[in-house]
N, C-alpha and C. Protein backbone atom coordinates (compact mmCIF):
# COMPACT_ATOMS: atom_id res chain seq x y z
N MET A 1 -29.76 86.13 27.88
CA MET A 1 -29.77 87.40 28.57
C MET A 1 -28.33 87.95 28.64
N LYS A 2 -28.18 89.23 28.34
CA LYS A 2 -26.89 89.90 28.38
C LYS A 2 -26.94 91.03 29.41
N THR A 3 -25.78 91.43 29.89
CA THR A 3 -25.68 92.58 30.79
C THR A 3 -24.69 93.57 30.20
N LEU A 4 -25.16 94.82 30.06
CA LEU A 4 -24.33 95.91 29.57
C LEU A 4 -24.15 96.90 30.71
N ILE A 5 -22.89 97.17 31.04
CA ILE A 5 -22.57 98.10 32.12
C ILE A 5 -21.84 99.30 31.51
N LEU A 6 -22.35 100.48 31.80
CA LEU A 6 -21.73 101.71 31.32
C LEU A 6 -21.04 102.40 32.48
N VAL A 7 -19.78 102.80 32.26
CA VAL A 7 -18.99 103.45 33.29
C VAL A 7 -18.43 104.76 32.72
N ARG A 8 -18.79 105.87 33.35
CA ARG A 8 -18.15 107.13 32.97
C ARG A 8 -16.80 107.20 33.67
N HIS A 9 -15.79 107.67 32.96
CA HIS A 9 -14.46 107.78 33.56
C HIS A 9 -14.52 108.56 34.86
N ALA A 10 -13.56 108.28 35.73
CA ALA A 10 -13.47 108.96 37.02
C ALA A 10 -13.01 110.41 36.82
N LYS A 11 -13.11 111.20 37.88
CA LYS A 11 -12.75 112.62 37.85
C LYS A 11 -11.34 112.80 37.30
N SER A 12 -11.25 113.71 36.33
CA SER A 12 -9.95 113.94 35.70
C SER A 12 -9.41 115.32 36.04
N ASP A 13 -8.16 115.48 35.74
CA ASP A 13 -7.46 116.74 35.91
C ASP A 13 -7.24 117.31 34.51
N TRP A 14 -6.86 118.57 34.42
CA TRP A 14 -6.54 119.14 33.12
C TRP A 14 -5.33 120.04 33.27
N PRO A 15 -4.14 119.40 33.39
CA PRO A 15 -2.92 120.20 33.54
C PRO A 15 -2.70 121.10 32.31
N GLU A 16 -2.04 122.20 32.54
CA GLU A 16 -1.72 123.14 31.46
C GLU A 16 -0.97 122.42 30.35
N ASP A 17 -1.25 122.79 29.12
CA ASP A 17 -0.60 122.23 27.93
C ASP A 17 -0.88 120.73 27.74
N THR A 18 -2.03 120.27 28.21
CA THR A 18 -2.42 118.87 28.04
C THR A 18 -3.62 118.80 27.10
N GLU A 19 -3.51 117.98 26.09
CA GLU A 19 -4.63 117.77 25.17
C GLU A 19 -5.74 117.01 25.88
N ASP A 20 -6.98 117.18 25.43
CA ASP A 20 -8.12 116.51 26.04
C ASP A 20 -7.89 115.00 26.14
N PHE A 21 -7.41 114.39 25.09
CA PHE A 21 -7.21 112.94 25.04
C PHE A 21 -6.27 112.45 26.14
N ASP A 22 -5.29 113.29 26.50
CA ASP A 22 -4.22 112.90 27.42
C ASP A 22 -4.48 113.30 28.87
N ARG A 23 -5.67 113.79 29.18
CA ARG A 23 -5.94 114.22 30.55
C ARG A 23 -5.86 113.05 31.54
N PRO A 24 -5.11 113.23 32.63
CA PRO A 24 -4.97 112.16 33.64
C PRO A 24 -6.12 112.21 34.64
N LEU A 25 -6.20 111.18 35.46
CA LEU A 25 -7.16 111.18 36.56
C LEU A 25 -6.66 112.09 37.67
N ALA A 26 -7.59 112.78 38.31
CA ALA A 26 -7.27 113.57 39.50
C ALA A 26 -7.18 112.62 40.70
N GLU A 27 -6.62 113.09 41.79
CA GLU A 27 -6.53 112.26 42.99
C GLU A 27 -7.90 111.74 43.40
N LYS A 28 -8.92 112.60 43.35
CA LYS A 28 -10.30 112.20 43.68
C LYS A 28 -10.78 111.11 42.72
N GLY A 29 -10.41 111.22 41.46
CA GLY A 29 -10.79 110.21 40.48
C GLY A 29 -10.16 108.86 40.77
N LEU A 30 -8.89 108.87 41.15
CA LEU A 30 -8.22 107.62 41.51
C LEU A 30 -8.93 106.96 42.70
N GLU A 31 -9.26 107.76 43.71
CA GLU A 31 -9.95 107.24 44.89
C GLU A 31 -11.32 106.68 44.54
N ASP A 32 -12.09 107.42 43.73
CA ASP A 32 -13.44 106.98 43.35
C ASP A 32 -13.41 105.70 42.52
N ALA A 33 -12.43 105.58 41.62
CA ALA A 33 -12.34 104.38 40.78
C ALA A 33 -12.04 103.15 41.63
N VAL A 34 -11.14 103.30 42.60
CA VAL A 34 -10.83 102.18 43.50
C VAL A 34 -12.07 101.83 44.31
N LYS A 35 -12.74 102.84 44.85
CA LYS A 35 -13.93 102.64 45.67
C LYS A 35 -15.05 101.94 44.87
N MET A 36 -15.31 102.43 43.66
CA MET A 36 -16.40 101.88 42.85
C MET A 36 -16.09 100.46 42.39
N SER A 37 -14.86 100.21 41.97
CA SER A 37 -14.52 98.86 41.51
C SER A 37 -14.62 97.86 42.66
N LYS A 38 -14.18 98.25 43.84
CA LYS A 38 -14.28 97.38 45.02
C LYS A 38 -15.75 97.13 45.36
N PHE A 39 -16.56 98.18 45.31
CA PHE A 39 -17.99 98.05 45.59
C PHE A 39 -18.65 97.05 44.64
N MET A 40 -18.34 97.18 43.35
CA MET A 40 -18.94 96.28 42.37
C MET A 40 -18.48 94.85 42.57
N LYS A 41 -17.20 94.66 42.84
CA LYS A 41 -16.68 93.31 43.08
C LYS A 41 -17.30 92.71 44.35
N ASP A 42 -17.39 93.51 45.40
CA ASP A 42 -17.96 93.05 46.67
C ASP A 42 -19.45 92.71 46.54
N HIS A 43 -20.13 93.35 45.57
CA HIS A 43 -21.56 93.09 45.34
C HIS A 43 -21.78 92.08 44.22
N HIS A 44 -20.72 91.38 43.88
CA HIS A 44 -20.79 90.26 42.92
C HIS A 44 -21.37 90.65 41.56
N ILE A 45 -21.01 91.86 41.11
CA ILE A 45 -21.40 92.29 39.76
C ILE A 45 -20.48 91.53 38.81
N GLU A 46 -21.05 90.68 37.97
CA GLU A 46 -20.25 89.87 37.05
C GLU A 46 -19.92 90.67 35.79
N ILE A 47 -18.65 90.69 35.46
CA ILE A 47 -18.19 91.34 34.23
C ILE A 47 -17.19 90.39 33.59
N GLN A 48 -17.39 90.11 32.30
CA GLN A 48 -16.50 89.20 31.58
C GLN A 48 -15.51 89.94 30.68
N LYS A 49 -15.81 91.19 30.33
CA LYS A 49 -14.95 91.91 29.40
C LYS A 49 -15.09 93.41 29.65
N PHE A 50 -13.97 94.11 29.52
CA PHE A 50 -13.95 95.57 29.56
C PHE A 50 -13.64 96.10 28.16
N VAL A 51 -14.38 97.13 27.75
CA VAL A 51 -14.08 97.84 26.52
C VAL A 51 -13.98 99.31 26.90
N SER A 52 -12.85 99.94 26.56
CA SER A 52 -12.61 101.31 27.01
C SER A 52 -12.24 102.24 25.87
N SER A 53 -12.65 103.49 26.04
CA SER A 53 -12.09 104.56 25.23
C SER A 53 -10.58 104.54 25.48
N PRO A 54 -9.78 104.83 24.46
CA PRO A 54 -8.33 104.86 24.67
C PRO A 54 -7.83 106.15 25.33
N ALA A 55 -8.72 107.12 25.55
CA ALA A 55 -8.30 108.36 26.22
C ALA A 55 -7.76 108.01 27.61
N VAL A 56 -6.73 108.71 28.03
CA VAL A 56 -6.00 108.37 29.25
C VAL A 56 -6.93 108.24 30.46
N ARG A 57 -7.84 109.20 30.66
CA ARG A 57 -8.68 109.18 31.86
C ARG A 57 -9.65 107.99 31.87
N ALA A 58 -10.17 107.61 30.71
CA ALA A 58 -11.08 106.46 30.63
C ALA A 58 -10.31 105.15 30.78
N LEU A 59 -9.21 105.04 30.06
CA LEU A 59 -8.42 103.81 30.10
C LEU A 59 -7.84 103.57 31.50
N ASN A 60 -7.40 104.63 32.18
CA ASN A 60 -6.88 104.47 33.53
C ASN A 60 -7.98 104.09 34.51
N THR A 61 -9.18 104.61 34.32
CA THR A 61 -10.33 104.18 35.15
C THR A 61 -10.56 102.70 34.94
N CYS A 62 -10.55 102.26 33.70
CA CYS A 62 -10.73 100.85 33.36
C CYS A 62 -9.64 99.99 33.99
N LYS A 63 -8.41 100.44 33.92
CA LYS A 63 -7.30 99.66 34.49
C LYS A 63 -7.42 99.54 36.01
N ILE A 64 -7.93 100.58 36.66
CA ILE A 64 -8.15 100.50 38.10
C ILE A 64 -9.24 99.48 38.40
N PHE A 65 -10.34 99.49 37.63
CA PHE A 65 -11.38 98.48 37.80
C PHE A 65 -10.79 97.08 37.58
N ASN A 66 -9.88 96.98 36.64
CA ASN A 66 -9.33 95.67 36.33
C ASN A 66 -8.44 95.12 37.44
N GLN A 67 -7.97 95.97 38.35
CA GLN A 67 -7.23 95.46 39.50
C GLN A 67 -8.14 94.59 40.37
N ALA A 68 -9.45 94.89 40.35
CA ALA A 68 -10.41 94.08 41.11
C ALA A 68 -10.92 92.88 40.31
N PHE A 69 -11.00 93.02 38.98
CA PHE A 69 -11.64 91.98 38.17
C PHE A 69 -10.67 91.09 37.40
N ASP A 70 -9.54 91.64 36.97
CA ASP A 70 -8.52 90.88 36.25
C ASP A 70 -9.09 90.13 35.04
N ILE A 71 -9.61 90.92 34.09
CA ILE A 71 -10.20 90.36 32.86
C ILE A 71 -9.63 91.09 31.64
N GLU A 72 -10.05 90.65 30.48
CA GLU A 72 -9.57 91.24 29.23
C GLU A 72 -10.05 92.68 29.06
N ILE A 73 -9.13 93.55 28.64
CA ILE A 73 -9.45 94.94 28.29
C ILE A 73 -9.22 95.11 26.80
N THR A 74 -10.21 95.68 26.13
CA THR A 74 -10.08 96.07 24.73
C THR A 74 -10.27 97.57 24.64
N GLU A 75 -9.44 98.25 23.87
CA GLU A 75 -9.62 99.67 23.63
C GLU A 75 -10.36 99.86 22.32
N ASP A 76 -11.27 100.84 22.30
CA ASP A 76 -12.02 101.13 21.07
C ASP A 76 -12.17 102.64 20.92
N GLN A 77 -11.58 103.17 19.87
CA GLN A 77 -11.61 104.61 19.59
C GLN A 77 -13.04 105.15 19.51
N LYS A 78 -14.00 104.31 19.13
CA LYS A 78 -15.39 104.76 19.00
C LYS A 78 -15.98 105.22 20.33
N LEU A 79 -15.37 104.85 21.45
CA LEU A 79 -15.88 105.25 22.76
C LEU A 79 -15.31 106.59 23.25
N TYR A 80 -14.46 107.22 22.44
CA TYR A 80 -13.94 108.55 22.76
C TYR A 80 -14.83 109.57 22.04
N ASN A 81 -15.41 110.51 22.79
CA ASN A 81 -16.38 111.47 22.25
C ASN A 81 -17.49 110.75 21.46
N PRO A 82 -18.15 109.79 22.09
CA PRO A 82 -19.08 108.92 21.36
C PRO A 82 -20.47 109.51 21.15
N THR A 83 -21.11 109.03 20.09
CA THR A 83 -22.53 109.22 19.88
C THR A 83 -23.22 107.92 20.30
N GLU A 84 -24.53 107.93 20.34
CA GLU A 84 -25.27 106.71 20.65
C GLU A 84 -24.91 105.61 19.65
N ARG A 85 -24.77 105.97 18.40
CA ARG A 85 -24.44 104.98 17.35
C ARG A 85 -23.05 104.38 17.56
N ASN A 86 -22.13 105.17 18.12
CA ASN A 86 -20.79 104.62 18.41
C ASN A 86 -20.90 103.48 19.42
N PHE A 87 -21.70 103.68 20.47
CA PHE A 87 -21.88 102.61 21.46
C PHE A 87 -22.48 101.38 20.80
N GLU A 88 -23.50 101.58 19.98
CA GLU A 88 -24.14 100.45 19.30
C GLU A 88 -23.15 99.71 18.41
N SER A 89 -22.32 100.44 17.71
CA SER A 89 -21.33 99.82 16.84
C SER A 89 -20.38 98.91 17.62
N VAL A 90 -19.96 99.37 18.81
CA VAL A 90 -19.08 98.56 19.65
C VAL A 90 -19.84 97.31 20.13
N ILE A 91 -21.09 97.50 20.52
CA ILE A 91 -21.91 96.38 21.01
C ILE A 91 -22.09 95.33 19.93
N TYR A 92 -22.36 95.75 18.70
CA TYR A 92 -22.57 94.80 17.60
C TYR A 92 -21.31 93.99 17.31
N GLY A 93 -20.17 94.51 17.70
CA GLY A 93 -18.91 93.81 17.48
C GLY A 93 -18.53 92.82 18.58
N LEU A 94 -19.35 92.74 19.63
CA LEU A 94 -19.04 91.83 20.74
C LEU A 94 -19.32 90.39 20.37
N ASP A 95 -18.51 89.50 20.90
CA ASP A 95 -18.70 88.06 20.72
C ASP A 95 -19.88 87.61 21.58
N ASP A 96 -20.75 86.78 21.04
CA ASP A 96 -21.92 86.33 21.79
C ASP A 96 -21.57 85.45 22.98
N GLY A 97 -20.34 84.97 23.05
CA GLY A 97 -19.90 84.22 24.22
C GLY A 97 -19.70 85.10 25.44
N VAL A 98 -19.63 86.42 25.22
CA VAL A 98 -19.51 87.39 26.31
C VAL A 98 -20.92 87.78 26.74
N ASN A 99 -21.28 87.46 27.97
CA ASN A 99 -22.62 87.77 28.46
C ASN A 99 -22.70 89.05 29.27
N SER A 100 -21.54 89.55 29.72
CA SER A 100 -21.52 90.75 30.54
C SER A 100 -20.30 91.59 30.17
N VAL A 101 -20.55 92.83 29.75
CA VAL A 101 -19.48 93.71 29.32
C VAL A 101 -19.63 95.07 30.00
N ALA A 102 -18.50 95.67 30.37
CA ALA A 102 -18.48 97.03 30.89
C ALA A 102 -17.76 97.92 29.88
N MET A 103 -18.39 99.05 29.54
CA MET A 103 -17.83 99.99 28.59
C MET A 103 -17.49 101.29 29.32
N PHE A 104 -16.25 101.74 29.17
CA PHE A 104 -15.74 102.95 29.83
C PHE A 104 -15.68 104.08 28.81
N SER A 105 -16.40 105.17 29.10
CA SER A 105 -16.49 106.23 28.10
C SER A 105 -16.69 107.59 28.77
N HIS A 106 -17.24 108.54 28.01
CA HIS A 106 -17.27 109.95 28.37
C HIS A 106 -18.68 110.52 28.26
N ASN A 107 -18.89 111.62 28.98
CA ASN A 107 -20.11 112.39 28.80
C ASN A 107 -19.88 113.37 27.64
N ASN A 108 -20.86 113.72 26.95
CA ASN A 108 -22.29 113.55 27.10
C ASN A 108 -22.80 112.27 26.46
N GLY A 109 -21.97 111.64 25.69
CA GLY A 109 -22.38 110.45 24.96
C GLY A 109 -22.89 109.34 25.84
N ILE A 110 -22.23 109.09 26.97
CA ILE A 110 -22.64 107.97 27.82
C ILE A 110 -24.00 108.24 28.46
N SER A 111 -24.25 109.48 28.87
CA SER A 111 -25.56 109.83 29.44
C SER A 111 -26.64 109.72 28.37
N ASN A 112 -26.36 110.22 27.19
CA ASN A 112 -27.33 110.15 26.09
C ASN A 112 -27.67 108.71 25.74
N PHE A 113 -26.66 107.86 25.69
CA PHE A 113 -26.89 106.45 25.35
C PHE A 113 -27.73 105.77 26.44
N ALA A 114 -27.40 106.02 27.71
CA ALA A 114 -28.18 105.44 28.81
C ALA A 114 -29.63 105.92 28.75
N ASN A 115 -29.85 107.18 28.46
CA ASN A 115 -31.21 107.72 28.35
C ASN A 115 -31.98 107.10 27.19
N MET A 116 -31.29 106.73 26.15
CA MET A 116 -31.92 106.08 25.01
C MET A 116 -32.47 104.70 25.39
N MET A 117 -31.82 104.05 26.37
CA MET A 117 -32.22 102.70 26.76
C MET A 117 -33.20 102.66 27.93
N SER A 118 -33.45 103.78 28.58
CA SER A 118 -34.21 103.76 29.82
C SER A 118 -35.16 104.94 29.91
N ASP A 119 -36.20 104.77 30.72
CA ASP A 119 -37.12 105.87 31.00
C ASP A 119 -36.56 106.80 32.07
N GLU A 120 -35.48 106.35 32.72
CA GLU A 120 -34.81 107.19 33.71
C GLU A 120 -34.16 108.36 32.98
N ILE A 121 -33.92 109.43 33.70
CA ILE A 121 -33.18 110.55 33.13
C ILE A 121 -31.79 110.49 33.76
N PHE A 122 -30.79 110.22 32.93
CA PHE A 122 -29.43 110.05 33.40
C PHE A 122 -28.59 111.27 33.13
N MET A 123 -27.81 111.64 34.11
CA MET A 123 -26.68 112.52 33.92
C MET A 123 -25.59 111.88 34.75
N PHE A 124 -24.74 111.13 34.09
CA PHE A 124 -23.70 110.38 34.79
C PHE A 124 -22.73 111.30 35.50
N PRO A 125 -22.53 111.09 36.80
CA PRO A 125 -21.42 111.78 37.45
C PRO A 125 -20.13 111.05 37.06
N THR A 126 -19.00 111.65 37.32
CA THR A 126 -17.75 110.94 37.06
C THR A 126 -17.73 109.67 37.90
N CYS A 127 -17.29 108.59 37.29
CA CYS A 127 -17.22 107.25 37.87
C CYS A 127 -18.59 106.66 38.21
N GLY A 128 -19.64 107.24 37.62
CA GLY A 128 -20.97 106.66 37.75
C GLY A 128 -21.05 105.38 36.93
N VAL A 129 -21.87 104.42 37.40
CA VAL A 129 -21.99 103.12 36.75
C VAL A 129 -23.47 102.75 36.62
N ALA A 130 -23.89 102.39 35.41
CA ALA A 130 -25.26 101.92 35.17
C ALA A 130 -25.21 100.54 34.54
N GLY A 131 -26.05 99.66 35.03
CA GLY A 131 -26.14 98.31 34.48
C GLY A 131 -27.50 98.08 33.85
N PHE A 132 -27.50 97.49 32.67
CA PHE A 132 -28.73 97.21 31.94
C PHE A 132 -28.81 95.73 31.61
N GLN A 133 -29.99 95.16 31.78
CA GLN A 133 -30.25 93.79 31.35
C GLN A 133 -30.79 93.90 29.93
N ILE A 134 -30.16 93.15 29.02
CA ILE A 134 -30.56 93.16 27.62
C ILE A 134 -31.16 91.79 27.31
N ASP A 135 -32.43 91.78 26.94
CA ASP A 135 -33.16 90.53 26.72
C ASP A 135 -32.86 89.96 25.34
N THR A 136 -31.68 89.35 25.24
CA THR A 136 -31.26 88.74 23.98
C THR A 136 -30.15 87.73 24.25
N ASP A 137 -29.95 86.83 23.32
CA ASP A 137 -28.82 85.90 23.40
C ASP A 137 -27.70 86.32 22.47
N SER A 138 -27.98 87.33 21.62
CA SER A 138 -26.99 87.78 20.65
C SER A 138 -26.89 89.30 20.66
N TRP A 139 -25.67 89.80 20.79
CA TRP A 139 -25.46 91.24 20.77
C TRP A 139 -25.95 91.86 19.46
N SER A 140 -25.99 91.08 18.39
CA SER A 140 -26.46 91.61 17.11
C SER A 140 -27.94 91.99 17.13
N ASP A 141 -28.68 91.49 18.12
CA ASP A 141 -30.10 91.82 18.27
C ASP A 141 -30.33 92.97 19.24
N PHE A 142 -29.27 93.66 19.63
CA PHE A 142 -29.33 94.71 20.66
C PHE A 142 -30.41 95.76 20.38
N GLU A 143 -30.46 96.27 19.17
CA GLU A 143 -31.37 97.38 18.86
C GLU A 143 -32.82 97.06 19.20
N ASN A 144 -33.28 95.87 18.87
CA ASN A 144 -34.68 95.51 19.08
C ASN A 144 -34.94 94.78 20.40
N ALA A 145 -33.90 94.49 21.15
CA ALA A 145 -34.06 93.76 22.42
C ALA A 145 -34.63 94.68 23.50
N LYS A 146 -35.40 94.09 24.40
CA LYS A 146 -35.91 94.82 25.55
C LYS A 146 -34.74 95.10 26.50
N LYS A 147 -34.70 96.34 27.00
CA LYS A 147 -33.61 96.77 27.88
C LYS A 147 -34.20 97.24 29.21
N LYS A 148 -33.55 96.84 30.29
CA LYS A 148 -34.05 97.21 31.62
C LYS A 148 -32.89 97.66 32.50
N LEU A 149 -33.04 98.82 33.12
CA LEU A 149 -32.04 99.30 34.08
C LEU A 149 -32.09 98.39 35.30
N ILE A 150 -30.94 97.85 35.69
CA ILE A 150 -30.90 96.98 36.88
C ILE A 150 -30.14 97.62 38.05
N PHE A 151 -29.27 98.59 37.75
CA PHE A 151 -28.63 99.34 38.84
C PHE A 151 -28.02 100.63 38.32
N PHE A 152 -27.86 101.58 39.22
CA PHE A 152 -27.16 102.83 38.94
C PHE A 152 -26.46 103.24 40.22
N TYR A 153 -25.14 103.32 40.16
CA TYR A 153 -24.34 103.65 41.34
C TYR A 153 -23.51 104.91 41.08
N GLU A 154 -23.44 105.74 42.12
CA GLU A 154 -22.62 106.94 42.08
C GLU A 154 -21.62 106.88 43.22
N PRO A 155 -20.38 107.31 43.02
CA PRO A 155 -19.39 107.23 44.08
C PRO A 155 -19.83 107.90 45.39
N LYS A 156 -20.54 109.02 45.29
CA LYS A 156 -20.96 109.76 46.49
C LYS A 156 -21.99 108.98 47.31
N LYS A 157 -22.68 108.03 46.66
CA LYS A 157 -23.81 107.36 47.33
C LYS A 157 -23.53 105.91 47.71
N ILE A 158 -22.28 105.49 47.59
CA ILE A 158 -21.99 104.11 48.00
C ILE A 158 -21.09 104.09 49.23
């Protein structure tokens, strides 16, 4: 059994003359990321690896989560402006020794990917987190494995 956790980056700012890739987190985003990471740690959500979009707002959200978890972070360009297939490509590259991974990415791709795995209708808010149980022992079997939503948390509701 594997656990896949999807995290949309926290609320970002868009200062003048800043490229999309380089957008920083807003003050509200910093607060929400700290709040959500603490909530997950306090609720014993196990995560063995973080994989993040290299975009500043996603990577900084991941780094804030890592203050609570202190685990390996890998950056993957495929998680910036991702399609559903981009997420799958990253998943297929995971080591089977990793049983729980959190992926930090962007909308609309993250909502679309979550909707592909669940009967729920997702529209991730910033810093929203969804956890899925994947019925497999190997990430390479992800496509055909049974997937079940096990939690969905929003900063406003925790």
